[in-house]
Amino acid sequence: MILGRGALRMLVALIWLAPVQAASAQAPQQASLEYSVKANYLVRFAAFVEWPPRAFAAPQSPVVICVAGRDPFRGALERAAQNQTAYGRPLTVRRPGDREAAAGCHILYVGQGGGGMIPEGPRSILLVTDGAVQAERGMVHFVLSDDRVRFHIDLQAASRGGLSISSRLLNLALSVRGG
């Protein structure tokens, strides 16, 4: 899929124009901004990642973005995903109740207490972790760098899951492991 310039500009703007305070000094409004930026990233990641056809039940099936564990987004993820598509598929947001339900996700954000929700075995799920919550890294790992939300990418882990990540997204990462 060729990503439109508007989507790429929005992703770059999220990186460079949305400074946030470090977690230890956050006021509620600043925390809200941080997770609003992360919600927009999660939605935009869908346009930069290709899943194998077997990851979807049907050609018109949605890209499912899930939150496992504590949900810090306060509705920002639903607002960001509203009326959005990736590869012609609508985006939908879910909060699975168990590991089995999480196996149906395409993007899985692991919040505080959500580690037990990660499906076992090789899956075509873009696993997103958060440095504000845990040190253990997923395929994409959010961090705060210079008061901005940034991320690291583990390309080897994504490849093991059958995922292909666009070079445009790789170029925006702080680091790429296995690239």
N, C-alpha and C. Protein backbone atom coordinates (compact mmCIF):
# COMPACT_ATOMS: atom_id res chain seq x y z
N MET A 1 0.84 -1.18 0.00
CA MET A 1 0.00 0.00 0.00
C MET A 1 0.88 1.24 0.00
N ILE A 2 0.54 2.20 -0.78
CA ILE A 2 1.26 3.48 -0.79
C ILE A 2 0.53 4.40 0.17
N LEU A 3 1.26 4.87 1.15
CA LEU A 3 0.67 5.72 2.17
C LEU A 3 0.61 7.14 1.65
N GLY A 4 -0.53 7.78 1.85
CA GLY A 4 -0.69 9.16 1.42
C GLY A 4 0.21 10.10 2.20
N ARG A 5 0.52 11.21 1.60
CA ARG A 5 1.39 12.19 2.27
C ARG A 5 0.75 12.71 3.54
N GLY A 6 -0.57 12.81 3.56
CA GLY A 6 -1.26 13.32 4.75
C GLY A 6 -1.03 12.42 5.94
N ALA A 7 -1.12 11.11 5.76
CA ALA A 7 -0.92 10.17 6.86
C ALA A 7 0.52 10.22 7.35
N LEU A 8 1.47 10.30 6.42
CA LEU A 8 2.87 10.37 6.81
C LEU A 8 3.16 11.68 7.55
N ARG A 9 2.61 12.79 7.06
CA ARG A 9 2.79 14.08 7.75
C ARG A 9 2.24 14.02 9.17
N MET A 10 1.06 13.38 9.31
CA MET A 10 0.45 13.29 10.64
C MET A 10 1.34 12.49 11.58
N LEU A 11 1.90 11.40 11.11
CA LEU A 11 2.77 10.58 11.95
C LEU A 11 4.01 11.37 12.35
N VAL A 12 4.62 12.06 11.40
CA VAL A 12 5.81 12.87 11.71
C VAL A 12 5.45 13.99 12.68
N ALA A 13 4.29 14.61 12.49
CA ALA A 13 3.86 15.68 13.40
C ALA A 13 3.67 15.14 14.81
N LEU A 14 3.15 13.94 14.94
CA LEU A 14 2.98 13.36 16.26
C LEU A 14 4.32 13.20 16.96
N ILE A 15 5.34 12.84 16.21
CA ILE A 15 6.66 12.63 16.80
C ILE A 15 7.29 13.95 17.22
N TRP A 16 7.27 14.92 16.35
CA TRP A 16 8.06 16.12 16.57
C TRP A 16 7.30 17.28 17.21
N LEU A 17 6.00 17.32 17.07
CA LEU A 17 5.26 18.49 17.53
C LEU A 17 4.48 18.27 18.82
N ALA A 18 4.58 17.10 19.40
CA ALA A 18 3.78 16.82 20.59
C ALA A 18 4.67 16.50 21.79
N PRO A 19 5.36 17.50 22.33
CA PRO A 19 6.19 17.22 23.50
C PRO A 19 5.32 16.88 24.70
N VAL A 20 5.82 15.99 25.54
CA VAL A 20 5.13 15.65 26.78
C VAL A 20 6.16 15.68 27.90
N GLN A 21 5.68 15.77 29.12
CA GLN A 21 6.57 15.81 30.26
C GLN A 21 6.96 14.39 30.66
N ALA A 22 8.08 14.26 31.30
CA ALA A 22 8.51 12.95 31.80
C ALA A 22 7.47 12.42 32.78
N ALA A 23 7.34 11.11 32.85
CA ALA A 23 6.30 10.48 33.65
C ALA A 23 6.34 10.92 35.11
N SER A 24 7.52 11.12 35.67
CA SER A 24 7.61 11.47 37.08
C SER A 24 7.07 12.86 37.37
N ALA A 25 7.00 13.72 36.39
CA ALA A 25 6.55 15.09 36.61
C ALA A 25 5.22 15.38 35.93
N GLN A 26 4.50 14.34 35.53
CA GLN A 26 3.28 14.56 34.76
C GLN A 26 2.14 15.09 35.60
N ALA A 27 1.46 16.08 35.06
CA ALA A 27 0.17 16.50 35.57
C ALA A 27 -0.87 15.69 34.79
N PRO A 28 -2.10 15.58 35.31
CA PRO A 28 -3.11 14.79 34.60
C PRO A 28 -3.29 15.20 33.13
N GLN A 29 -3.26 16.48 32.84
CA GLN A 29 -3.45 16.93 31.46
C GLN A 29 -2.28 16.48 30.58
N GLN A 30 -1.07 16.51 31.10
CA GLN A 30 0.09 16.08 30.33
C GLN A 30 0.07 14.58 30.10
N ALA A 31 -0.38 13.82 31.09
CA ALA A 31 -0.52 12.37 30.92
C ALA A 31 -1.55 12.09 29.85
N SER A 32 -2.61 12.87 29.85
CA SER A 32 -3.65 12.72 28.84
C SER A 32 -3.08 12.98 27.45
N LEU A 33 -2.24 14.00 27.31
CA LEU A 33 -1.60 14.30 26.03
C LEU A 33 -0.70 13.15 25.60
N GLU A 34 0.07 12.60 26.53
CA GLU A 34 0.97 11.49 26.21
C GLU A 34 0.18 10.31 25.64
N TYR A 35 -0.92 9.96 26.29
CA TYR A 35 -1.68 8.80 25.83
C TYR A 35 -2.54 9.12 24.61
N SER A 36 -2.86 10.36 24.39
CA SER A 36 -3.52 10.75 23.15
C SER A 36 -2.56 10.57 21.97
N VAL A 37 -1.31 10.95 22.17
CA VAL A 37 -0.28 10.76 21.14
C VAL A 37 -0.06 9.27 20.90
N LYS A 38 0.03 8.48 21.96
CA LYS A 38 0.22 7.03 21.81
C LYS A 38 -0.97 6.39 21.12
N ALA A 39 -2.18 6.85 21.41
CA ALA A 39 -3.38 6.32 20.74
C ALA A 39 -3.30 6.60 19.24
N ASN A 40 -2.88 7.79 18.87
CA ASN A 40 -2.75 8.12 17.46
C ASN A 40 -1.67 7.29 16.78
N TYR A 41 -0.59 7.04 17.49
CA TYR A 41 0.44 6.15 16.95
C TYR A 41 -0.14 4.76 16.68
N LEU A 42 -0.84 4.20 17.66
CA LEU A 42 -1.40 2.86 17.48
C LEU A 42 -2.27 2.78 16.24
N VAL A 43 -3.08 3.80 16.02
CA VAL A 43 -3.93 3.83 14.83
C VAL A 43 -3.10 3.97 13.56
N ARG A 44 -2.10 4.82 13.59
CA ARG A 44 -1.27 5.04 12.39
C ARG A 44 -0.38 3.84 12.08
N PHE A 45 0.02 3.09 13.11
CA PHE A 45 0.84 1.90 12.86
C PHE A 45 0.14 0.95 11.88
N ALA A 46 -1.18 0.90 11.93
CA ALA A 46 -1.93 -0.02 11.06
C ALA A 46 -1.65 0.23 9.58
N ALA A 47 -1.36 1.47 9.21
CA ALA A 47 -1.09 1.79 7.81
C ALA A 47 0.36 1.52 7.41
N PHE A 48 1.21 1.19 8.38
CA PHE A 48 2.63 0.96 8.11
C PHE A 48 3.05 -0.49 8.31
N VAL A 49 2.09 -1.34 8.65
CA VAL A 49 2.36 -2.76 8.91
C VAL A 49 1.49 -3.59 7.98
N GLU A 50 2.09 -4.62 7.38
CA GLU A 50 1.32 -5.55 6.55
C GLU A 50 1.26 -6.89 7.27
N TRP A 51 0.05 -7.43 7.35
CA TRP A 51 -0.19 -8.73 7.97
C TRP A 51 -0.36 -9.76 6.87
N PRO A 52 -0.01 -11.01 7.15
CA PRO A 52 -0.25 -12.06 6.16
C PRO A 52 -1.77 -12.25 6.00
N PRO A 53 -2.22 -12.66 4.83
CA PRO A 53 -3.66 -12.84 4.60
C PRO A 53 -4.33 -13.74 5.65
N ARG A 54 -3.62 -14.72 6.17
CA ARG A 54 -4.20 -15.63 7.15
C ARG A 54 -4.56 -14.94 8.46
N ALA A 55 -4.08 -13.72 8.67
CA ALA A 55 -4.37 -12.99 9.90
C ALA A 55 -5.80 -12.45 9.93
N PHE A 56 -6.48 -12.50 8.79
CA PHE A 56 -7.84 -11.98 8.70
C PHE A 56 -8.80 -13.08 8.27
N ALA A 57 -9.99 -13.07 8.85
CA ALA A 57 -11.00 -14.08 8.52
C ALA A 57 -11.54 -13.89 7.11
N ALA A 58 -11.60 -12.65 6.65
CA ALA A 58 -12.15 -12.34 5.32
C ALA A 58 -11.49 -11.07 4.79
N PRO A 59 -11.57 -10.83 3.47
CA PRO A 59 -10.94 -9.64 2.90
C PRO A 59 -11.47 -8.32 3.48
N GLN A 60 -12.68 -8.30 3.97
CA GLN A 60 -13.25 -7.06 4.51
C GLN A 60 -13.15 -6.99 6.05
N SER A 61 -12.52 -7.99 6.67
CA SER A 61 -12.38 -7.99 8.13
C SER A 61 -11.60 -6.77 8.60
N PRO A 62 -11.96 -6.23 9.77
CA PRO A 62 -11.26 -5.04 10.28
C PRO A 62 -9.88 -5.35 10.84
N VAL A 63 -9.07 -4.32 10.94
CA VAL A 63 -7.83 -4.38 11.70
C VAL A 63 -8.24 -4.11 13.14
N VAL A 64 -7.96 -5.06 14.02
CA VAL A 64 -8.40 -4.98 15.41
C VAL A 64 -7.25 -4.49 16.29
N ILE A 65 -7.46 -3.35 16.93
CA ILE A 65 -6.50 -2.78 17.86
C ILE A 65 -7.01 -3.07 19.26
N CYS A 66 -6.18 -3.71 20.08
CA CYS A 66 -6.61 -4.13 21.42
C CYS A 66 -5.75 -3.51 22.51
N VAL A 67 -6.35 -3.39 23.68
CA VAL A 67 -5.65 -2.94 24.87
C VAL A 67 -5.77 -4.04 25.91
N ALA A 68 -4.64 -4.57 26.35
CA ALA A 68 -4.60 -5.59 27.39
C ALA A 68 -4.11 -4.95 28.68
N GLY A 69 -4.77 -5.23 29.77
CA GLY A 69 -4.37 -4.64 31.05
C GLY A 69 -5.05 -3.30 31.26
N ARG A 70 -4.47 -2.51 32.16
CA ARG A 70 -5.06 -1.20 32.48
C ARG A 70 -5.08 -0.33 31.24
N ASP A 71 -6.20 0.33 31.02
CA ASP A 71 -6.39 1.17 29.84
C ASP A 71 -6.14 2.63 30.20
N PRO A 72 -5.02 3.21 29.73
CA PRO A 72 -4.71 4.60 30.06
C PRO A 72 -5.26 5.61 29.05
N PHE A 73 -5.97 5.15 28.04
CA PHE A 73 -6.32 6.02 26.92
C PHE A 73 -7.56 6.90 27.13
N ARG A 74 -8.45 6.51 28.01
CA ARG A 74 -9.64 7.31 28.34
C ARG A 74 -10.42 7.75 27.10
N GLY A 75 -10.65 6.83 26.20
CA GLY A 75 -11.44 7.12 25.00
C GLY A 75 -10.65 7.67 23.83
N ALA A 76 -9.38 8.04 24.04
CA ALA A 76 -8.57 8.62 22.97
C ALA A 76 -8.34 7.63 21.83
N LEU A 77 -8.24 6.35 22.16
CA LEU A 77 -8.00 5.34 21.12
C LEU A 77 -9.22 5.21 20.21
N GLU A 78 -10.40 5.19 20.79
CA GLU A 78 -11.63 5.12 19.98
C GLU A 78 -11.77 6.36 19.10
N ARG A 79 -11.48 7.52 19.66
CA ARG A 79 -11.58 8.76 18.87
C ARG A 79 -10.59 8.75 17.72
N ALA A 80 -9.38 8.27 17.96
CA ALA A 80 -8.35 8.23 16.91
C ALA A 80 -8.71 7.24 15.82
N ALA A 81 -9.33 6.12 16.18
CA ALA A 81 -9.66 5.07 15.21
C ALA A 81 -10.95 5.31 14.45
N GLN A 82 -11.76 6.22 14.94
CA GLN A 82 -13.07 6.47 14.34
C GLN A 82 -12.94 6.86 12.87
N ASN A 83 -13.64 6.13 12.03
CA ASN A 83 -13.68 6.37 10.57
C ASN A 83 -12.34 6.20 9.87
N GLN A 84 -11.38 5.51 10.49
CA GLN A 84 -10.07 5.29 9.88
C GLN A 84 -10.02 3.91 9.23
N THR A 85 -9.19 3.80 8.21
CA THR A 85 -8.97 2.52 7.55
C THR A 85 -7.47 2.31 7.32
N ALA A 86 -7.12 1.05 7.10
CA ALA A 86 -5.75 0.69 6.71
C ALA A 86 -5.88 -0.43 5.69
N TYR A 87 -5.29 -0.24 4.54
CA TYR A 87 -5.36 -1.23 3.47
C TYR A 87 -6.82 -1.54 3.11
N GLY A 88 -7.68 -0.54 3.19
CA GLY A 88 -9.08 -0.70 2.85
C GLY A 88 -9.91 -1.37 3.93
N ARG A 89 -9.32 -1.66 5.06
CA ARG A 89 -10.02 -2.31 6.17
C ARG A 89 -10.35 -1.27 7.24
N PRO A 90 -11.55 -1.33 7.80
CA PRO A 90 -11.86 -0.42 8.92
C PRO A 90 -11.03 -0.81 10.14
N LEU A 91 -10.84 0.15 11.03
CA LEU A 91 -10.15 -0.11 12.29
C LEU A 91 -11.20 -0.23 13.39
N THR A 92 -10.98 -1.15 14.29
CA THR A 92 -11.87 -1.31 15.44
C THR A 92 -11.02 -1.49 16.69
N VAL A 93 -11.56 -1.07 17.83
CA VAL A 93 -10.85 -1.13 19.10
C VAL A 93 -11.58 -2.10 20.02
N ARG A 94 -10.81 -2.96 20.67
CA ARG A 94 -11.37 -3.93 21.62
C ARG A 94 -10.50 -4.01 22.86
N ARG A 95 -11.11 -4.50 23.92
CA ARG A 95 -10.40 -4.77 25.17
C ARG A 95 -10.69 -6.22 25.53
N PRO A 96 -9.84 -7.13 25.06
CA PRO A 96 -10.11 -8.56 25.30
C PRO A 96 -10.04 -8.89 26.79
N GLY A 97 -10.87 -9.86 27.17
CA GLY A 97 -10.92 -10.24 28.58
C GLY A 97 -9.97 -11.35 28.97
N ASP A 98 -9.42 -12.04 27.96
CA ASP A 98 -8.50 -13.13 28.27
C ASP A 98 -7.54 -13.35 27.10
N ARG A 99 -6.58 -14.24 27.31
CA ARG A 99 -5.54 -14.52 26.32
C ARG A 99 -6.14 -15.04 25.01
N GLU A 100 -7.17 -15.87 25.11
CA GLU A 100 -7.80 -16.43 23.92
C GLU A 100 -8.44 -15.32 23.07
N ALA A 101 -9.11 -14.39 23.71
CA ALA A 101 -9.72 -13.27 22.98
C ALA A 101 -8.65 -12.36 22.37
N ALA A 102 -7.52 -12.21 23.07
CA ALA A 102 -6.43 -11.37 22.56
C ALA A 102 -5.80 -11.96 21.31
N ALA A 103 -5.96 -13.26 21.09
CA ALA A 103 -5.41 -13.90 19.90
C ALA A 103 -6.07 -13.37 18.63
N GLY A 104 -7.23 -12.73 18.74
CA GLY A 104 -7.91 -12.17 17.58
C GLY A 104 -7.53 -10.73 17.27
N CYS A 105 -6.53 -10.21 17.96
CA CYS A 105 -6.08 -8.82 17.75
C CYS A 105 -5.02 -8.77 16.66
N HIS A 106 -4.90 -7.63 16.00
CA HIS A 106 -3.83 -7.39 15.04
C HIS A 106 -2.75 -6.49 15.64
N ILE A 107 -3.18 -5.54 16.47
CA ILE A 107 -2.26 -4.69 17.23
C ILE A 107 -2.67 -4.84 18.68
N LEU A 108 -1.73 -5.23 19.54
CA LEU A 108 -2.02 -5.44 20.95
C LEU A 108 -1.13 -4.54 21.79
N TYR A 109 -1.74 -3.53 22.41
CA TYR A 109 -1.04 -2.65 23.35
C TYR A 109 -1.12 -3.32 24.73
N VAL A 110 0.04 -3.54 25.36
CA VAL A 110 0.08 -4.20 26.65
C VAL A 110 0.28 -3.13 27.73
N GLY A 111 -0.80 -2.83 28.45
CA GLY A 111 -0.76 -1.88 29.54
C GLY A 111 -0.38 -2.55 30.83
N GLN A 112 -0.42 -1.80 31.91
CA GLN A 112 -0.06 -2.31 33.22
C GLN A 112 -0.95 -3.51 33.57
N GLY A 113 -0.32 -4.62 33.94
CA GLY A 113 -1.04 -5.82 34.30
C GLY A 113 -1.52 -6.64 33.12
N GLY A 114 -1.14 -6.28 31.92
CA GLY A 114 -1.62 -6.99 30.73
C GLY A 114 -0.69 -8.05 30.18
N GLY A 115 0.44 -8.28 30.83
CA GLY A 115 1.41 -9.25 30.33
C GLY A 115 0.86 -10.66 30.20
N GLY A 116 -0.06 -11.04 31.07
CA GLY A 116 -0.64 -12.36 31.02
C GLY A 116 -1.63 -12.55 29.89
N MET A 117 -1.94 -11.47 29.18
CA MET A 117 -2.90 -11.53 28.07
C MET A 117 -2.24 -11.81 26.72
N ILE A 118 -0.92 -11.79 26.67
CA ILE A 118 -0.22 -11.99 25.41
C ILE A 118 -0.38 -13.43 24.96
N PRO A 119 -0.95 -13.65 23.78
CA PRO A 119 -1.13 -15.02 23.28
C PRO A 119 0.22 -15.73 23.13
N GLU A 120 0.22 -17.02 23.43
CA GLU A 120 1.44 -17.80 23.33
C GLU A 120 1.66 -18.27 21.90
N GLY A 121 2.91 -18.57 21.59
CA GLY A 121 3.24 -19.09 20.26
C GLY A 121 3.34 -17.99 19.23
N PRO A 122 3.78 -18.35 18.04
CA PRO A 122 3.90 -17.35 16.97
C PRO A 122 2.54 -16.88 16.50
N ARG A 123 2.33 -15.60 16.51
CA ARG A 123 1.07 -14.99 16.07
C ARG A 123 1.38 -13.78 15.22
N SER A 124 0.46 -13.44 14.35
CA SER A 124 0.61 -12.24 13.52
C SER A 124 -0.03 -11.06 14.23
N ILE A 125 0.53 -10.74 15.40
CA ILE A 125 0.04 -9.64 16.23
C ILE A 125 1.19 -8.66 16.44
N LEU A 126 0.97 -7.40 16.11
CA LEU A 126 1.95 -6.36 16.40
C LEU A 126 1.85 -6.06 17.89
N LEU A 127 2.82 -6.54 18.65
CA LEU A 127 2.83 -6.37 20.10
C LEU A 127 3.49 -5.04 20.44
N VAL A 128 2.74 -4.16 21.11
CA VAL A 128 3.22 -2.83 21.46
C VAL A 128 3.31 -2.72 22.97
N THR A 129 4.50 -2.42 23.47
CA THR A 129 4.71 -2.24 24.90
C THR A 129 5.03 -0.78 25.18
N ASP A 130 5.09 -0.44 26.46
CA ASP A 130 5.22 0.95 26.85
C ASP A 130 6.25 1.09 27.96
N GLY A 131 7.29 1.86 27.72
CA GLY A 131 8.33 2.09 28.71
C GLY A 131 7.80 2.74 29.98
N ALA A 132 6.66 3.43 29.91
CA ALA A 132 6.06 4.04 31.09
C ALA A 132 5.45 2.97 32.00
N VAL A 133 5.26 1.76 31.46
CA VAL A 133 4.61 0.68 32.19
C VAL A 133 5.59 -0.44 32.53
N GLN A 134 6.46 -0.79 31.60
CA GLN A 134 7.35 -1.94 31.78
C GLN A 134 8.61 -1.79 30.95
N ALA A 135 9.65 -2.46 31.38
CA ALA A 135 10.92 -2.42 30.65
C ALA A 135 10.95 -3.44 29.52
N GLU A 136 10.21 -4.55 29.67
CA GLU A 136 10.20 -5.60 28.65
C GLU A 136 9.63 -5.04 27.35
N ARG A 137 10.30 -5.35 26.26
CA ARG A 137 9.94 -4.77 24.97
C ARG A 137 9.16 -5.73 24.08
N GLY A 138 8.19 -5.15 23.38
CA GLY A 138 7.46 -5.87 22.36
C GLY A 138 8.07 -5.56 21.00
N MET A 139 7.34 -5.77 19.94
CA MET A 139 7.82 -5.46 18.59
C MET A 139 7.99 -3.96 18.43
N VAL A 140 7.10 -3.20 19.06
CA VAL A 140 7.21 -1.75 19.12
C VAL A 140 7.17 -1.40 20.61
N HIS A 141 8.08 -0.52 21.03
CA HIS A 141 8.18 -0.18 22.45
C HIS A 141 8.21 1.34 22.58
N PHE A 142 7.14 1.91 23.17
CA PHE A 142 7.07 3.36 23.39
C PHE A 142 8.03 3.79 24.48
N VAL A 143 8.66 4.94 24.28
CA VAL A 143 9.48 5.59 25.30
C VAL A 143 9.30 7.09 25.18
N LEU A 144 9.66 7.81 26.23
CA LEU A 144 9.72 9.26 26.15
C LEU A 144 11.17 9.63 25.92
N SER A 145 11.43 10.43 24.89
CA SER A 145 12.78 10.88 24.56
C SER A 145 12.71 12.36 24.23
N ASP A 146 13.47 13.15 24.93
CA ASP A 146 13.45 14.61 24.75
C ASP A 146 12.02 15.14 24.84
N ASP A 147 11.28 14.65 25.84
CA ASP A 147 9.90 15.07 26.09
C ASP A 147 8.95 14.79 24.93
N ARG A 148 9.27 13.78 24.13
CA ARG A 148 8.39 13.39 23.02
C ARG A 148 8.18 11.88 23.07
N VAL A 149 7.01 11.47 22.63
CA VAL A 149 6.73 10.04 22.55
C VAL A 149 7.45 9.51 21.32
N ARG A 150 8.30 8.53 21.53
CA ARG A 150 9.04 7.90 20.45
C ARG A 150 8.91 6.39 20.62
N PHE A 151 9.58 5.63 19.77
CA PHE A 151 9.46 4.18 19.87
C PHE A 151 10.68 3.49 19.29
N HIS A 152 10.90 2.26 19.76
CA HIS A 152 11.91 1.35 19.24
C HIS A 152 11.15 0.24 18.52
N ILE A 153 11.78 -0.37 17.52
CA ILE A 153 11.15 -1.46 16.79
C ILE A 153 12.07 -2.67 16.79
N ASP A 154 11.48 -3.84 17.05
CA ASP A 154 12.19 -5.11 16.96
C ASP A 154 11.73 -5.78 15.67
N LEU A 155 12.49 -5.59 14.62
CA LEU A 155 12.13 -6.08 13.30
C LEU A 155 12.17 -7.61 13.24
N GLN A 156 13.09 -8.23 13.98
CA GLN A 156 13.17 -9.69 13.99
C GLN A 156 11.91 -10.31 14.58
N ALA A 157 11.43 -9.75 15.69
CA ALA A 157 10.21 -10.27 16.31
C ALA A 157 9.02 -10.10 15.38
N ALA A 158 8.94 -8.97 14.69
CA ALA A 158 7.84 -8.75 13.76
C ALA A 158 7.90 -9.76 12.61
N SER A 159 9.09 -10.00 12.09
CA SER A 159 9.26 -10.97 11.00
C SER A 159 8.86 -12.38 11.43
N ARG A 160 9.20 -12.74 12.67
CA ARG A 160 8.80 -14.07 13.18
C ARG A 160 7.29 -14.20 13.21
N GLY A 161 6.58 -13.10 13.41
CA GLY A 161 5.12 -13.11 13.42
C GLY A 161 4.52 -12.99 12.03
N GLY A 162 5.37 -12.92 11.00
CA GLY A 162 4.86 -12.80 9.64
C GLY A 162 4.47 -11.38 9.26
N LEU A 163 4.90 -10.39 10.05
CA LEU A 163 4.56 -9.00 9.79
C LEU A 163 5.67 -8.32 9.00
N SER A 164 5.25 -7.42 8.14
CA SER A 164 6.19 -6.61 7.37
C SER A 164 5.96 -5.14 7.75
N ILE A 165 7.02 -4.49 8.22
CA ILE A 165 6.91 -3.09 8.66
C ILE A 165 7.54 -2.20 7.61
N SER A 166 6.81 -1.17 7.22
CA SER A 166 7.25 -0.23 6.19
C SER A 166 8.55 0.46 6.58
N SER A 167 9.40 0.67 5.60
CA SER A 167 10.66 1.39 5.85
C SER A 167 10.38 2.81 6.32
N ARG A 168 9.25 3.36 5.95
CA ARG A 168 8.89 4.70 6.42
C ARG A 168 8.74 4.74 7.93
N LEU A 169 8.12 3.70 8.48
CA LEU A 169 7.98 3.62 9.93
C LEU A 169 9.32 3.31 10.58
N LEU A 170 10.08 2.42 9.98
CA LEU A 170 11.41 2.08 10.53
C LEU A 170 12.29 3.32 10.61
N ASN A 171 12.18 4.21 9.64
CA ASN A 171 13.00 5.42 9.63
C ASN A 171 12.63 6.38 10.76
N LEU A 172 11.43 6.26 11.31
CA LEU A 172 10.99 7.14 12.38
C LEU A 172 11.34 6.61 13.78
N ALA A 173 11.76 5.34 13.84
CA ALA A 173 12.06 4.72 15.12
C ALA A 173 13.37 5.23 15.69
N LEU A 174 13.46 5.26 17.03
CA LEU A 174 14.73 5.61 17.67
C LEU A 174 15.79 4.56 17.38
N SER A 175 15.36 3.29 17.36
CA SER A 175 16.27 2.20 17.02
C SER A 175 15.48 1.08 16.38
N VAL A 176 16.17 0.28 15.57
CA VAL A 176 15.57 -0.88 14.94
C VAL A 176 16.47 -2.07 15.24
N ARG A 177 15.94 -3.02 15.97
CA ARG A 177 16.68 -4.24 16.30
C ARG A 177 16.47 -5.24 15.18
N GLY A 178 17.57 -5.81 14.68
CA GLY A 178 17.48 -6.82 13.63
C GLY A 178 17.24 -6.27 12.25
N GLY A 179 17.56 -5.00 12.05
CA GLY A 179 17.30 -4.38 10.75
C GLY A 179 18.48 -4.25 9.88
